[in-house]
Amino acid sequence: MSKPSRVIRYLRIGIVALAAVAGMQRLAVGAQEQQAEEKKSRPKLFIDIVQGQDVVNNVKQRVAREPQVVVYDENHNPVNGATVTFLLPKSGPGASFPGGQSSFTTTTGADGQASAPGLQANNIPGSFKINVVVSSQGSTTTGTIPMANVLAATIAGTSVLTTTLIVVAVAGGIAGVTAGVILATSGGQVSPSK
């Protein structure tokens, strides 16, 4: 093969290689633009806690107020069909869903609401958080629902928080006991005594 024909051949190979590289770059840029556009079109999600926040559960009754949330988009419209997962701590103060499960997954209705029925407090006093994970159309957001478990005794039909009595009595003497009970019962909701 003559020298000029080799040069032409190498030039052709080089042109084909450059065209292939340019084509791959265009594909990569197109894919990045498509991903950016998809990301822009994903709705932003927001969680509003309707029920369960700062609830105080009576561990002697082993019942708890079921957590309930509403999921909204960036225009404050309820999101229908969003996947909502409620996650409980695996140890320490907490609760369980039916069957002893530590998680419960459901979807929101047309009103954007989702709840986790059948929550049962465990017998360990203390505060805990229910983690909430919401997903819809490629977007995900998280939130927490704080709760607490307490030992409660019933005196003449009124629920008294015995764990609060012990803590406050040590910290503030007898005068602090009454104030501590009032603050604890007004700051959270106690599940009704049976």
Protein backbone atom coordinates (compact mmCIF):
# COMPACT_ATOMS: atom_id res chain seq x y z
CA MET A 1 0.00 0.00 0.00
CA SER A 2 1.39 3.40 -0.99
CA LYS A 3 2.11 6.10 1.55
CA PRO A 4 -0.71 8.46 0.37
CA SER A 5 -3.29 5.67 0.55
CA ARG A 6 -2.19 4.85 4.12
CA VAL A 7 -2.57 8.49 5.14
CA ILE A 8 -6.07 8.58 3.63
CA ARG A 9 -6.96 5.36 5.39
CA TYR A 10 -5.75 6.71 8.77
CA LEU A 11 -7.61 9.96 8.16
CA ARG A 12 -10.80 8.01 7.51
CA ILE A 13 -10.32 5.98 10.69
CA GLY A 14 -9.65 9.19 12.62
CA ILE A 15 -12.77 10.87 11.21
CA VAL A 16 -14.92 7.85 12.08
CA ALA A 17 -13.44 7.79 15.60
CA LEU A 18 -14.06 11.53 16.09
CA ALA A 19 -17.63 11.16 14.85
CA ALA A 20 -18.20 8.30 17.30
CA VAL A 21 -16.80 10.34 20.22
CA ALA A 22 -18.93 13.35 19.23
CA GLY A 23 -22.00 11.12 19.02
CA MET A 24 -21.35 9.69 22.49
CA GLN A 25 -20.90 13.21 23.88
CA ARG A 26 -24.22 14.29 22.34
CA LEU A 27 -25.90 11.24 23.87
CA ALA A 28 -24.38 12.00 27.29
CA VAL A 29 -25.45 15.66 27.14
CA GLY A 30 -28.94 14.62 26.02
CA ALA A 31 -29.21 12.15 28.89
CA GLN A 32 -28.08 14.79 31.41
CA GLU A 33 -30.61 17.29 30.03
CA GLN A 34 -33.36 14.67 30.21
CA GLN A 35 -32.43 13.83 33.83
CA ALA A 36 -32.44 17.53 34.74
CA GLU A 37 -35.86 17.98 33.12
CA GLU A 38 -37.25 14.92 34.92
CA LYS A 39 -35.88 16.22 38.21
CA LYS A 40 -37.57 19.60 37.63
CA SER A 41 -40.88 17.90 36.88
CA ARG A 42 -40.84 15.80 40.07
CA PRO A 43 -43.21 17.21 42.66
CA LYS A 44 -41.85 18.49 45.94
CA LEU A 45 -43.52 16.66 48.81
CA PHE A 46 -44.45 17.94 52.25
CA ILE A 47 -45.71 16.00 55.29
CA ASP A 48 -48.27 17.45 57.71
CA ILE A 49 -48.73 15.43 60.91
CA VAL A 50 -52.45 15.25 61.66
CA GLN A 51 -52.43 12.87 64.61
CA GLY A 52 -49.85 11.31 66.90
CA GLN A 53 -47.39 14.17 67.45
CA ASP A 54 -46.37 14.53 71.11
CA VAL A 55 -48.89 11.89 72.21
CA VAL A 56 -48.24 10.27 75.59
CA ASN A 57 -49.16 6.56 75.59
CA ASN A 58 -50.09 4.67 78.78
CA VAL A 59 -47.93 1.52 78.74
CA LYS A 60 -50.23 -0.25 81.21
CA GLN A 61 -52.98 -0.21 78.59
CA ARG A 62 -50.63 -1.11 75.70
CA VAL A 63 -52.59 1.18 73.36
CA ALA A 64 -51.32 4.15 71.42
CA ARG A 65 -52.82 6.87 69.26
CA GLU A 66 -52.40 5.89 65.62
CA PRO A 67 -50.14 8.18 63.61
CA GLN A 68 -51.78 9.99 60.70
CA VAL A 69 -50.26 12.31 58.10
CA VAL A 70 -51.36 14.32 55.07
CA VAL A 71 -49.01 14.57 52.08
CA TYR A 72 -49.06 17.78 50.04
CA ASP A 73 -47.26 18.94 46.90
CA GLU A 74 -45.53 22.32 46.47
CA ASN A 75 -48.90 23.95 45.65
CA HIS A 76 -50.40 22.61 48.91
CA ASN A 77 -52.59 20.14 47.01
CA PRO A 78 -53.12 16.68 48.59
CA VAL A 79 -51.08 13.95 46.86
CA ASN A 80 -53.08 10.84 45.95
CA GLY A 81 -51.30 7.48 45.74
CA ALA A 82 -48.09 8.46 47.55
CA THR A 83 -46.37 5.57 49.35
CA VAL A 84 -46.07 6.24 53.09
CA THR A 85 -43.96 4.07 55.41
CA PHE A 86 -44.11 4.46 59.20
CA LEU A 87 -40.96 3.11 60.92
CA LEU A 88 -40.75 2.38 64.66
CA PRO A 89 -37.62 1.96 66.80
CA LYS A 90 -36.55 -1.68 67.03
CA SER A 91 -35.61 -1.45 70.72
CA GLY A 92 -36.17 0.71 73.77
CA PRO A 93 -39.28 2.84 74.25
CA GLY A 94 -41.61 2.43 71.32
CA ALA A 95 -44.53 0.49 69.95
CA SER A 96 -45.43 -2.09 67.34
CA PHE A 97 -47.89 -2.46 64.51
CA PRO A 98 -50.19 -5.50 64.24
CA GLY A 99 -48.29 -8.77 64.18
CA GLY A 100 -45.38 -7.22 66.12
CA GLN A 101 -44.14 -5.40 63.01
CA SER A 102 -41.82 -2.38 63.32
CA SER A 103 -42.96 -0.84 60.03
CA PHE A 104 -46.22 -0.21 58.23
CA THR A 105 -46.58 0.85 54.58
CA THR A 106 -49.71 2.28 53.00
CA THR A 107 -50.72 4.77 50.29
CA THR A 108 -52.46 8.11 50.54
CA GLY A 109 -56.05 8.54 49.44
CA ALA A 110 -57.51 11.35 47.32
CA ASP A 111 -57.36 13.58 50.43
CA GLY A 112 -53.60 12.93 50.77
CA GLN A 113 -54.10 11.19 54.13
CA ALA A 114 -52.42 8.03 55.37
CA SER A 115 -52.55 6.43 58.80
CA ALA A 116 -51.08 3.42 60.56
CA PRO A 117 -53.87 1.66 62.51
CA GLY A 118 -53.36 -0.81 65.33
CA LEU A 119 -50.33 0.84 66.97
CA GLN A 120 -49.60 -0.72 70.39
CA ALA A 121 -47.24 0.86 72.92
CA ASN A 122 -44.58 -1.43 74.38
CA ASN A 123 -43.97 -1.58 78.14
CA ILE A 124 -40.84 0.58 78.17
CA PRO A 125 -41.34 4.17 79.39
CA GLY A 126 -39.56 6.97 77.54
CA SER A 127 -39.72 9.09 74.42
CA PHE A 128 -39.33 7.80 70.88
CA LYS A 129 -39.89 8.87 67.29
CA ILE A 130 -41.85 7.34 64.46
CA ASN A 131 -39.97 7.98 61.21
CA VAL A 132 -42.16 8.66 58.18
CA VAL A 133 -40.89 8.15 54.61
CA VAL A 134 -43.06 9.39 51.72
CA SER A 135 -42.42 8.65 48.02
CA SER A 136 -44.34 9.77 44.94
CA GLN A 137 -43.36 10.10 41.28
CA GLY A 138 -39.63 9.80 41.96
CA SER A 139 -39.61 12.26 44.88
CA THR A 140 -39.01 11.28 48.50
CA THR A 141 -39.30 13.20 51.76
CA THR A 142 -39.07 12.21 55.41
CA GLY A 143 -40.46 13.38 58.73
CA THR A 144 -40.74 12.29 62.35
CA ILE A 145 -43.60 11.94 64.81
CA PRO A 146 -42.43 12.26 68.44
CA MET A 147 -44.29 10.19 71.05
CA ALA A 148 -43.68 9.01 74.60
CA ASN A 149 -44.62 6.00 76.70
CA VAL A 150 -45.34 6.49 80.40
CA LEU A 151 -46.49 4.39 83.33
CA ALA A 152 -49.84 5.83 84.38
CA ALA A 153 -52.02 5.07 87.37
CA THR A 154 -55.69 5.92 87.74
CA ILE A 155 -56.70 7.85 90.87
CA ALA A 156 -60.46 8.52 91.17
CA GLY A 157 -60.97 8.31 87.41
CA THR A 158 -58.12 10.73 86.55
CA SER A 159 -55.00 9.56 84.79
CA VAL A 160 -51.83 10.52 86.70
CA LEU A 161 -48.42 10.20 85.09
CA THR A 162 -46.39 8.29 87.68
CA THR A 163 -43.09 8.55 85.79
CA THR A 164 -43.47 12.35 85.75
CA LEU A 165 -44.21 12.36 89.48
CA ILE A 166 -40.96 10.54 90.24
CA VAL A 167 -38.79 12.75 87.98
CA VAL A 168 -40.33 16.04 89.12
CA ALA A 169 -40.35 15.06 92.82
CA VAL A 170 -36.60 14.52 92.69
CA ALA A 171 -36.02 17.76 90.81
CA GLY A 172 -38.38 20.17 92.57
CA GLY A 173 -39.77 18.80 95.81
CA ILE A 174 -43.47 18.48 96.62
CA ALA A 175 -44.47 21.87 95.11
CA GLY A 176 -42.96 20.80 91.77
CA VAL A 177 -44.96 17.54 91.73
CA THR A 178 -48.32 19.23 91.17
CA ALA A 179 -46.95 21.61 88.53
CA GLY A 180 -45.17 18.71 86.80
CA VAL A 181 -48.36 16.67 86.54
CA ILE A 182 -50.30 19.63 85.13
CA LEU A 183 -47.58 20.39 82.55
CA ALA A 184 -47.21 16.77 81.50
CA THR A 185 -50.94 16.15 81.08
CA SER A 186 -51.57 19.41 79.23
CA GLY A 187 -48.48 19.08 76.98
CA GLY A 188 -49.48 15.72 75.52
CA GLN A 189 -52.52 13.56 75.13
CA VAL A 190 -52.88 10.57 77.42
CA SER A 191 -54.72 7.60 76.05
CA PRO A 192 -57.95 7.26 78.08
CA SER A 193 -58.00 4.90 81.05
CA LYS A 194 -60.35 1.93 80.88
